[in-house]
N, C-alpha and C. Protein backbone atom coordinates (compact mmCIF):
# COMPACT_ATOMS: atom_id res chain seq x y z
N MET A 1 -58.79 47.87 109.31
CA MET A 1 -57.85 47.07 110.04
C MET A 1 -57.51 45.79 109.28
N LYS A 2 -58.52 45.19 108.66
CA LYS A 2 -58.31 43.97 107.90
C LYS A 2 -57.47 44.25 106.66
N LYS A 3 -57.71 45.41 106.02
CA LYS A 3 -56.92 45.78 104.85
C LYS A 3 -55.46 45.99 105.22
N LEU A 4 -55.21 46.56 106.39
CA LEU A 4 -53.85 46.81 106.83
C LEU A 4 -53.10 45.50 107.04
N ARG A 5 -53.75 44.50 107.63
CA ARG A 5 -53.12 43.20 107.81
C ARG A 5 -52.79 42.56 106.47
N VAL A 6 -53.68 42.65 105.51
CA VAL A 6 -53.45 42.07 104.18
C VAL A 6 -52.28 42.77 103.51
N ILE A 7 -52.22 44.10 103.62
CA ILE A 7 -51.12 44.86 103.00
C ILE A 7 -49.80 44.49 103.66
N ILE A 8 -49.78 44.34 104.98
CA ILE A 8 -48.55 43.98 105.68
C ILE A 8 -48.11 42.57 105.29
N CYS A 9 -49.05 41.64 105.20
CA CYS A 9 -48.71 40.26 104.81
C CYS A 9 -48.17 40.22 103.39
N LEU A 10 -48.82 40.93 102.48
CA LEU A 10 -48.33 40.96 101.10
C LEU A 10 -46.96 41.61 101.00
N SER A 11 -46.73 42.65 101.79
CA SER A 11 -45.42 43.32 101.80
C SER A 11 -44.34 42.38 102.30
N LEU A 12 -44.64 41.64 103.37
CA LEU A 12 -43.66 40.67 103.89
C LEU A 12 -43.37 39.57 102.87
N ILE A 13 -44.38 39.09 102.19
CA ILE A 13 -44.19 38.06 101.17
C ILE A 13 -43.31 38.59 100.05
N MET A 14 -43.54 39.82 99.63
CA MET A 14 -42.73 40.40 98.56
C MET A 14 -41.29 40.60 99.01
N ILE A 15 -41.10 41.04 100.25
CA ILE A 15 -39.74 41.26 100.76
C ILE A 15 -39.00 39.94 100.88
N LEU A 16 -39.67 38.94 101.44
CA LEU A 16 -39.02 37.63 101.58
C LEU A 16 -38.77 36.98 100.22
N GLY A 17 -39.61 37.25 99.26
CA GLY A 17 -39.41 36.72 97.92
C GLY A 17 -38.23 37.35 97.20
N CYS A 18 -37.89 38.58 97.59
CA CYS A 18 -36.77 39.28 96.95
C CYS A 18 -35.44 39.02 97.64
N LEU A 19 -35.41 38.34 98.78
CA LEU A 19 -34.16 38.11 99.50
C LEU A 19 -33.10 37.38 98.68
N PRO A 20 -33.45 36.37 97.89
CA PRO A 20 -32.39 35.73 97.10
C PRO A 20 -31.74 36.67 96.09
N PHE A 21 -32.45 37.71 95.69
CA PHE A 21 -31.92 38.64 94.70
C PHE A 21 -31.31 39.89 95.35
N ALA A 22 -31.23 39.92 96.67
CA ALA A 22 -30.76 41.11 97.37
C ALA A 22 -29.35 41.52 96.97
N PRO A 23 -28.37 40.61 96.86
CA PRO A 23 -27.03 41.08 96.45
C PRO A 23 -27.03 41.72 95.06
N TYR A 24 -27.78 41.15 94.14
CA TYR A 24 -27.85 41.70 92.80
C TYR A 24 -28.52 43.07 92.81
N LEU A 25 -29.63 43.20 93.55
CA LEU A 25 -30.34 44.48 93.63
C LEU A 25 -29.48 45.54 94.31
N TYR A 26 -28.72 45.15 95.34
CA TYR A 26 -27.84 46.09 96.02
C TYR A 26 -26.74 46.56 95.07
N ALA A 27 -26.18 45.64 94.29
CA ALA A 27 -25.12 46.01 93.34
C ALA A 27 -25.67 46.95 92.28
N GLN A 28 -26.89 46.73 91.83
CA GLN A 28 -27.49 47.61 90.83
C GLN A 28 -27.75 49.00 91.43
N ALA A 29 -28.20 49.04 92.69
CA ALA A 29 -28.48 50.32 93.32
C ALA A 29 -27.20 51.12 93.56
N MET A 30 -26.10 50.43 93.87
CA MET A 30 -24.83 51.09 94.14
C MET A 30 -24.05 51.38 92.86
N GLY A 31 -24.51 50.89 91.74
CA GLY A 31 -23.84 51.16 90.47
C GLY A 31 -22.74 50.17 90.14
N THR A 32 -22.57 49.15 90.93
CA THR A 32 -21.56 48.12 90.63
C THR A 32 -22.29 46.84 90.25
N SER A 33 -21.96 46.32 89.11
CA SER A 33 -22.63 45.09 88.67
C SER A 33 -21.61 44.00 88.38
N ASN A 34 -20.54 43.95 89.13
CA ASN A 34 -19.51 42.96 88.88
C ASN A 34 -19.53 41.86 89.94
N ILE A 35 -20.67 41.35 90.26
CA ILE A 35 -20.79 40.25 91.21
C ILE A 35 -20.61 38.96 90.43
N VAL A 36 -19.75 38.09 90.93
CA VAL A 36 -19.49 36.81 90.28
C VAL A 36 -20.51 35.82 90.80
N ILE A 37 -21.34 35.31 89.90
CA ILE A 37 -22.36 34.34 90.28
C ILE A 37 -21.85 32.93 90.03
N ASP A 38 -21.26 32.69 88.89
CA ASP A 38 -20.77 31.37 88.54
C ASP A 38 -19.32 31.52 88.08
N GLU A 39 -18.45 30.76 88.66
CA GLU A 39 -17.04 30.88 88.34
C GLU A 39 -16.56 29.56 87.75
N ASN A 40 -16.00 29.60 86.54
CA ASN A 40 -15.47 28.41 85.90
C ASN A 40 -14.00 28.28 86.22
N VAL A 41 -13.60 27.10 86.60
CA VAL A 41 -12.20 26.83 86.88
C VAL A 41 -11.63 26.16 85.63
N ILE A 42 -10.60 26.78 85.06
CA ILE A 42 -9.97 26.24 83.86
C ILE A 42 -8.69 25.56 84.27
N GLU A 43 -8.59 24.28 83.98
CA GLU A 43 -7.40 23.53 84.31
C GLU A 43 -6.68 23.16 83.02
N PRO A 44 -5.35 23.07 83.08
CA PRO A 44 -4.61 22.70 81.87
C PRO A 44 -4.85 21.24 81.52
N LYS A 45 -4.71 20.94 80.25
CA LYS A 45 -4.89 19.58 79.74
C LYS A 45 -3.52 18.96 79.50
N ASP A 46 -3.34 17.75 79.97
CA ASP A 46 -2.09 17.02 79.80
C ASP A 46 -2.07 16.36 78.43
N PRO A 47 -1.11 16.72 77.56
CA PRO A 47 -1.06 16.11 76.23
C PRO A 47 -0.83 14.60 76.26
N ILE A 48 -0.05 14.14 77.21
CA ILE A 48 0.20 12.69 77.31
C ILE A 48 -1.07 11.98 77.76
N MET A 49 -1.78 12.56 78.70
CA MET A 49 -3.04 11.96 79.17
C MET A 49 -4.07 11.95 78.05
N ALA A 50 -4.10 13.00 77.23
CA ALA A 50 -5.04 13.03 76.10
C ALA A 50 -4.74 11.89 75.13
N THR A 51 -3.46 11.62 74.88
CA THR A 51 -3.09 10.54 73.98
C THR A 51 -3.43 9.18 74.59
N VAL A 52 -3.20 9.02 75.89
CA VAL A 52 -3.52 7.75 76.55
C VAL A 52 -5.03 7.52 76.54
N ILE A 53 -5.79 8.57 76.76
CA ILE A 53 -7.26 8.43 76.71
C ILE A 53 -7.71 8.08 75.30
N ALA A 54 -7.05 8.65 74.29
CA ALA A 54 -7.41 8.33 72.91
C ALA A 54 -7.08 6.88 72.57
N ILE A 55 -6.03 6.33 73.18
CA ILE A 55 -5.66 4.93 72.91
C ILE A 55 -6.60 3.98 73.64
N GLY A 56 -6.79 4.19 74.95
CA GLY A 56 -7.56 3.25 75.76
C GLY A 56 -9.05 3.31 75.50
N PRO A 57 -9.75 4.22 76.17
CA PRO A 57 -11.20 4.29 75.93
C PRO A 57 -11.54 4.76 74.52
N GLY A 58 -10.56 5.39 73.86
CA GLY A 58 -10.80 5.87 72.50
C GLY A 58 -10.99 4.75 71.50
N LEU A 59 -10.59 3.54 71.84
CA LEU A 59 -10.85 2.40 70.94
C LEU A 59 -12.34 2.14 70.83
N LEU A 60 -13.06 2.31 71.93
CA LEU A 60 -14.51 2.09 71.91
C LEU A 60 -15.27 3.32 71.43
N VAL A 61 -14.82 4.49 71.84
CA VAL A 61 -15.47 5.74 71.45
C VAL A 61 -14.41 6.63 70.82
N HIS A 62 -14.34 6.62 69.50
CA HIS A 62 -13.35 7.45 68.82
C HIS A 62 -13.67 8.91 69.07
N GLY A 63 -12.65 9.70 69.33
CA GLY A 63 -12.83 11.10 69.64
C GLY A 63 -12.76 11.39 71.12
N TRP A 64 -12.54 10.36 71.94
CA TRP A 64 -12.51 10.55 73.38
C TRP A 64 -11.36 11.45 73.79
N GLY A 65 -10.22 11.34 73.12
CA GLY A 65 -9.10 12.24 73.40
C GLY A 65 -9.41 13.68 73.05
N GLN A 66 -10.21 13.87 72.00
CA GLN A 66 -10.64 15.21 71.60
C GLN A 66 -11.63 15.78 72.61
N PHE A 67 -12.51 14.93 73.13
CA PHE A 67 -13.45 15.38 74.15
C PHE A 67 -12.69 15.80 75.41
N TYR A 68 -11.64 15.06 75.79
CA TYR A 68 -10.82 15.43 76.94
C TYR A 68 -10.18 16.80 76.72
N SER A 69 -9.74 17.05 75.50
CA SER A 69 -9.08 18.32 75.17
C SER A 69 -10.08 19.43 74.85
N GLU A 70 -11.34 19.14 74.98
CA GLU A 70 -12.45 20.07 74.78
C GLU A 70 -12.54 20.59 73.34
N ASP A 71 -12.20 19.73 72.39
CA ASP A 71 -12.44 20.03 70.98
C ASP A 71 -13.63 19.15 70.56
N TYR A 72 -14.82 19.65 70.85
CA TYR A 72 -16.02 18.84 70.70
C TYR A 72 -16.40 18.60 69.24
N LYS A 73 -16.09 19.54 68.37
CA LYS A 73 -16.42 19.36 66.96
C LYS A 73 -15.66 18.19 66.36
N MET A 74 -14.34 18.15 66.60
CA MET A 74 -13.54 17.05 66.07
C MET A 74 -13.92 15.74 66.74
N GLY A 75 -14.20 15.77 68.04
CA GLY A 75 -14.62 14.57 68.74
C GLY A 75 -15.91 14.00 68.17
N LEU A 76 -16.88 14.87 67.91
CA LEU A 76 -18.14 14.39 67.32
C LEU A 76 -17.95 13.90 65.90
N LEU A 77 -17.06 14.56 65.14
CA LEU A 77 -16.78 14.11 63.79
C LEU A 77 -16.17 12.71 63.79
N LEU A 78 -15.20 12.48 64.67
CA LEU A 78 -14.58 11.15 64.75
C LEU A 78 -15.57 10.11 65.25
N PHE A 79 -16.39 10.46 66.23
CA PHE A 79 -17.37 9.51 66.74
C PHE A 79 -18.43 9.19 65.68
N GLY A 80 -18.90 10.19 64.96
CA GLY A 80 -19.88 9.94 63.90
C GLY A 80 -19.31 9.07 62.79
N THR A 81 -18.04 9.30 62.43
CA THR A 81 -17.41 8.48 61.41
C THR A 81 -17.24 7.06 61.91
N GLU A 82 -16.97 6.89 63.20
CA GLU A 82 -16.88 5.53 63.76
C GLU A 82 -18.22 4.81 63.66
N VAL A 83 -19.30 5.50 63.98
CA VAL A 83 -20.63 4.88 63.91
C VAL A 83 -20.95 4.47 62.47
N VAL A 84 -20.62 5.34 61.51
CA VAL A 84 -20.87 5.01 60.10
C VAL A 84 -20.04 3.79 59.68
N SER A 85 -18.78 3.73 60.14
CA SER A 85 -17.95 2.58 59.77
C SER A 85 -18.47 1.30 60.41
N LEU A 86 -18.99 1.37 61.63
CA LEU A 86 -19.55 0.17 62.25
C LEU A 86 -20.81 -0.30 61.54
N VAL A 87 -21.62 0.65 61.09
CA VAL A 87 -22.81 0.27 60.31
C VAL A 87 -22.36 -0.39 59.00
N GLY A 88 -21.32 0.18 58.36
CA GLY A 88 -20.78 -0.42 57.14
C GLY A 88 -20.24 -1.82 57.38
N LEU A 89 -19.57 -2.04 58.51
CA LEU A 89 -19.09 -3.37 58.85
C LEU A 89 -20.25 -4.36 59.00
N GLY A 90 -21.31 -3.90 59.65
CA GLY A 90 -22.48 -4.78 59.82
C GLY A 90 -23.14 -5.12 58.50
N VAL A 91 -23.32 -4.12 57.65
CA VAL A 91 -23.95 -4.36 56.35
C VAL A 91 -23.07 -5.27 55.49
N GLY A 92 -21.76 -5.02 55.51
CA GLY A 92 -20.84 -5.87 54.75
C GLY A 92 -20.85 -7.30 55.24
N TYR A 93 -20.93 -7.48 56.57
CA TYR A 93 -20.98 -8.83 57.12
C TYR A 93 -22.27 -9.54 56.70
N ILE A 94 -23.37 -8.83 56.71
CA ILE A 94 -24.64 -9.44 56.29
C ILE A 94 -24.57 -9.83 54.82
N GLU A 95 -23.99 -8.96 54.00
CA GLU A 95 -23.86 -9.27 52.57
C GLU A 95 -22.95 -10.48 52.35
N TYR A 96 -21.88 -10.56 53.14
CA TYR A 96 -20.92 -11.63 52.94
C TYR A 96 -21.42 -12.96 53.49
N SER A 97 -22.07 -12.94 54.65
CA SER A 97 -22.48 -14.20 55.29
C SER A 97 -23.78 -14.76 54.75
N ALA A 98 -24.67 -13.93 54.28
CA ALA A 98 -25.96 -14.42 53.77
C ALA A 98 -26.25 -13.78 52.42
N PRO A 99 -25.49 -14.18 51.37
CA PRO A 99 -25.69 -13.53 50.07
C PRO A 99 -27.01 -13.91 49.40
N GLY A 100 -27.60 -15.01 49.82
CA GLY A 100 -28.87 -15.44 49.23
C GLY A 100 -30.00 -14.47 49.52
N ASN A 101 -29.93 -13.80 50.66
CA ASN A 101 -30.97 -12.85 51.03
C ASN A 101 -30.93 -11.59 50.17
N LEU A 102 -29.75 -11.26 49.65
CA LEU A 102 -29.59 -10.02 48.89
C LEU A 102 -29.28 -10.27 47.42
N SER A 103 -29.34 -11.50 46.97
CA SER A 103 -28.95 -11.78 45.58
C SER A 103 -29.93 -11.21 44.58
N THR A 104 -31.17 -10.97 44.98
CA THR A 104 -32.12 -10.37 44.05
C THR A 104 -31.77 -8.92 43.76
N ILE A 105 -31.14 -8.25 44.74
CA ILE A 105 -30.75 -6.85 44.55
C ILE A 105 -29.42 -6.75 43.84
N GLY A 106 -28.44 -7.56 44.25
CA GLY A 106 -27.08 -7.40 43.77
C GLY A 106 -26.66 -8.40 42.71
N GLY A 107 -27.49 -9.25 42.25
CA GLY A 107 -27.08 -10.23 41.24
C GLY A 107 -26.88 -11.59 41.88
N ASN A 108 -25.87 -12.34 41.40
CA ASN A 108 -25.66 -13.69 41.93
C ASN A 108 -24.94 -13.64 43.28
N ASN A 109 -24.81 -14.81 43.92
CA ASN A 109 -24.25 -14.89 45.27
C ASN A 109 -22.79 -14.45 45.34
N SER A 110 -21.99 -14.81 44.35
CA SER A 110 -20.57 -14.45 44.41
C SER A 110 -20.38 -12.93 44.31
N THR A 111 -21.19 -12.28 43.52
CA THR A 111 -21.10 -10.81 43.40
C THR A 111 -21.48 -10.14 44.72
N VAL A 112 -22.52 -10.65 45.38
CA VAL A 112 -22.95 -10.08 46.65
C VAL A 112 -21.89 -10.33 47.71
N GLN A 113 -21.28 -11.53 47.73
CA GLN A 113 -20.22 -11.81 48.70
C GLN A 113 -19.01 -10.91 48.47
N ARG A 114 -18.65 -10.71 47.22
CA ARG A 114 -17.51 -9.86 46.90
C ARG A 114 -17.78 -8.41 47.33
N SER A 115 -18.97 -7.91 47.06
CA SER A 115 -19.28 -6.54 47.48
C SER A 115 -19.34 -6.43 49.00
N GLY A 116 -19.81 -7.48 49.67
CA GLY A 116 -19.82 -7.49 51.13
C GLY A 116 -18.43 -7.45 51.71
N SER A 117 -17.51 -8.20 51.11
CA SER A 117 -16.13 -8.18 51.61
C SER A 117 -15.47 -6.83 51.35
N ILE A 118 -15.77 -6.21 50.21
CA ILE A 118 -15.22 -4.88 49.93
C ILE A 118 -15.76 -3.85 50.92
N VAL A 119 -17.04 -3.91 51.21
CA VAL A 119 -17.64 -2.97 52.17
C VAL A 119 -17.02 -3.18 53.55
N MET A 120 -16.79 -4.44 53.96
CA MET A 120 -16.18 -4.70 55.26
C MET A 120 -14.75 -4.18 55.32
N ILE A 121 -13.98 -4.37 54.26
CA ILE A 121 -12.59 -3.90 54.24
C ILE A 121 -12.53 -2.38 54.30
N VAL A 122 -13.34 -1.70 53.49
CA VAL A 122 -13.35 -0.24 53.50
C VAL A 122 -13.81 0.30 54.85
N SER A 123 -14.84 -0.31 55.43
CA SER A 123 -15.33 0.13 56.74
C SER A 123 -14.30 -0.12 57.83
N GLY A 124 -13.58 -1.23 57.76
CA GLY A 124 -12.52 -1.51 58.72
C GLY A 124 -11.39 -0.50 58.62
N ILE A 125 -11.04 -0.11 57.39
CA ILE A 125 -10.00 0.90 57.19
C ILE A 125 -10.45 2.25 57.76
N ILE A 126 -11.70 2.61 57.53
CA ILE A 126 -12.23 3.87 58.08
C ILE A 126 -12.25 3.82 59.60
N PHE A 127 -12.64 2.67 60.17
CA PHE A 127 -12.66 2.50 61.62
C PHE A 127 -11.26 2.71 62.20
N ALA A 128 -10.26 2.05 61.61
CA ALA A 128 -8.89 2.18 62.09
C ALA A 128 -8.36 3.60 61.89
N ALA A 129 -8.72 4.23 60.77
CA ALA A 129 -8.22 5.57 60.48
C ALA A 129 -8.76 6.60 61.47
N THR A 130 -10.03 6.48 61.87
CA THR A 130 -10.57 7.43 62.84
C THR A 130 -9.93 7.24 64.21
N TRP A 131 -9.66 6.01 64.59
CA TRP A 131 -9.02 5.76 65.88
C TRP A 131 -7.59 6.30 65.88
N LEU A 132 -6.85 6.02 64.81
CA LEU A 132 -5.47 6.51 64.72
C LEU A 132 -5.44 8.04 64.62
N SER A 133 -6.43 8.63 63.97
CA SER A 133 -6.50 10.09 63.91
C SER A 133 -6.71 10.69 65.29
N ASP A 134 -7.55 10.06 66.08
CA ASP A 134 -7.77 10.54 67.44
C ASP A 134 -6.48 10.46 68.25
N ILE A 135 -5.75 9.36 68.10
CA ILE A 135 -4.49 9.20 68.82
C ILE A 135 -3.48 10.26 68.38
N ALA A 136 -3.38 10.48 67.08
CA ALA A 136 -2.39 11.42 66.55
C ALA A 136 -2.72 12.87 66.89
N LEU A 137 -3.98 13.23 66.95
CA LEU A 137 -4.38 14.62 67.15
C LEU A 137 -4.60 15.02 68.60
N ALA A 138 -4.77 14.06 69.50
CA ALA A 138 -5.17 14.38 70.87
C ALA A 138 -4.14 15.22 71.61
N GLY A 139 -2.86 14.87 71.52
CA GLY A 139 -1.83 15.62 72.24
C GLY A 139 -1.71 17.05 71.75
N GLY A 140 -1.73 17.24 70.44
CA GLY A 140 -1.66 18.59 69.88
C GLY A 140 -2.86 19.43 70.24
N THR A 141 -4.03 18.80 70.30
CA THR A 141 -5.23 19.54 70.69
C THR A 141 -5.15 19.98 72.14
N ALA A 142 -4.60 19.14 73.01
CA ALA A 142 -4.44 19.53 74.41
C ALA A 142 -3.45 20.68 74.54
N GLU A 143 -2.36 20.64 73.80
CA GLU A 143 -1.40 21.74 73.83
C GLU A 143 -2.02 23.04 73.31
N GLN A 144 -2.82 22.93 72.25
CA GLN A 144 -3.48 24.11 71.69
C GLN A 144 -4.48 24.69 72.70
N TYR A 145 -5.20 23.83 73.41
CA TYR A 145 -6.13 24.29 74.45
C TYR A 145 -5.38 25.08 75.52
N ASN A 146 -4.23 24.56 75.93
CA ASN A 146 -3.44 25.25 76.96
C ASN A 146 -2.94 26.59 76.46
N LYS A 147 -2.53 26.68 75.20
CA LYS A 147 -2.06 27.95 74.65
C LYS A 147 -3.20 28.96 74.54
N GLU A 148 -4.36 28.52 74.11
CA GLU A 148 -5.50 29.42 73.96
C GLU A 148 -5.94 30.01 75.29
N HIS A 149 -5.81 29.25 76.37
CA HIS A 149 -6.25 29.72 77.67
C HIS A 149 -5.11 30.25 78.52
N GLY A 150 -3.91 30.32 77.96
CA GLY A 150 -2.78 30.87 78.71
C GLY A 150 -2.35 30.00 79.86
N LEU A 151 -2.41 28.69 79.70
CA LEU A 151 -2.05 27.77 80.77
C LEU A 151 -0.75 27.07 80.42
N GLU A 152 -0.01 26.70 81.45
CA GLU A 152 1.19 25.90 81.27
C GLU A 152 1.00 24.60 82.02
N PHE A 153 1.35 23.49 81.36
CA PHE A 153 1.27 22.19 82.02
C PHE A 153 2.68 21.67 82.17
N LYS A 154 3.09 21.41 83.42
CA LYS A 154 4.43 20.90 83.67
C LYS A 154 4.35 19.75 84.66
N MET A 155 5.11 18.70 84.38
CA MET A 155 5.34 17.65 85.36
C MET A 155 6.74 17.89 85.88
N GLN A 156 6.89 17.99 87.18
CA GLN A 156 8.22 18.20 87.73
C GLN A 156 8.50 17.17 88.80
N GLN A 157 9.75 16.87 88.94
CA GLN A 157 10.17 15.86 89.89
C GLN A 157 10.98 16.53 90.98
N GLU A 158 10.58 16.35 92.19
CA GLU A 158 11.30 16.91 93.33
C GLU A 158 12.37 15.91 93.74
N SER A 159 13.57 16.39 93.96
CA SER A 159 14.69 15.50 94.26
C SER A 159 14.66 14.97 95.68
N TYR A 160 13.99 15.65 96.57
CA TYR A 160 14.02 15.24 97.97
C TYR A 160 12.96 14.21 98.32
N ASN A 161 12.10 13.85 97.40
CA ASN A 161 10.96 13.04 97.78
C ASN A 161 10.90 11.73 97.00
N ASN A 162 11.95 10.99 96.92
CA ASN A 162 11.98 9.64 96.36
C ASN A 162 11.29 9.53 95.01
N SER A 163 11.63 10.37 94.11
CA SER A 163 11.15 10.36 92.72
C SER A 163 9.62 10.38 92.59
N THR A 164 8.96 11.18 93.40
CA THR A 164 7.52 11.35 93.30
C THR A 164 7.23 12.46 92.29
N MET A 165 6.31 12.20 91.38
CA MET A 165 5.97 13.19 90.36
C MET A 165 4.90 14.14 90.91
N PHE A 166 5.06 15.42 90.61
CA PHE A 166 4.10 16.42 91.04
C PHE A 166 3.52 17.10 89.82
N LEU A 167 2.28 17.53 89.93
CA LEU A 167 1.61 18.27 88.87
C LEU A 167 1.67 19.74 89.24
N ASN A 168 2.13 20.54 88.28
CA ASN A 168 2.23 21.97 88.51
C ASN A 168 1.64 22.68 87.31
N TYR A 169 0.75 23.63 87.55
CA TYR A 169 0.22 24.41 86.44
C TYR A 169 0.13 25.87 86.86
N ASN A 170 0.30 26.71 85.84
CA ASN A 170 0.28 28.16 86.06
C ASN A 170 -0.76 28.78 85.13
N TYR A 171 -1.29 29.89 85.56
CA TYR A 171 -2.22 30.63 84.74
C TYR A 171 -1.61 31.98 84.45
N LYS A 172 -1.51 32.34 83.16
CA LYS A 172 -0.94 33.62 82.76
C LYS A 172 -2.07 34.58 82.42
N PHE A 173 -1.97 35.81 82.91
CA PHE A 173 -2.97 36.83 82.61
C PHE A 173 -2.58 37.61 81.41
């Protein structure tokens, strides 16, 4: 009698433990395994919004427009180049402002100051180039994302509603 109670309790525990998997097990038993567990919603990317994001927040984090357009490789490349240029700006500023600390490595003070100014100029150019690249590429990347996923992004204006802009997007199969 005691064994029977233990077997019944263990059976109930096993059955209750399998309840979360019941739809999957039923689908496998019936031969259909097309149950959707996680569904991703793909929305079109606005090329103008990608460019605006690249201009605004993209000044602080280069590649932000690429991240919006889901081109993560280019976004990380631009962000990494920004970090390197900021490090170069810092090193150049240290060389330029305190040449006495580095004169044993680089020679006299004027040579260290000159090299510091060159490093700052080159780093500033790289900083500006990565930001401008993000601005220039963001809109095209958003359009390419929409083409790859078969999406259309349209802004349309309804004439009956006092010039209110509406967002309309379509998904093509």
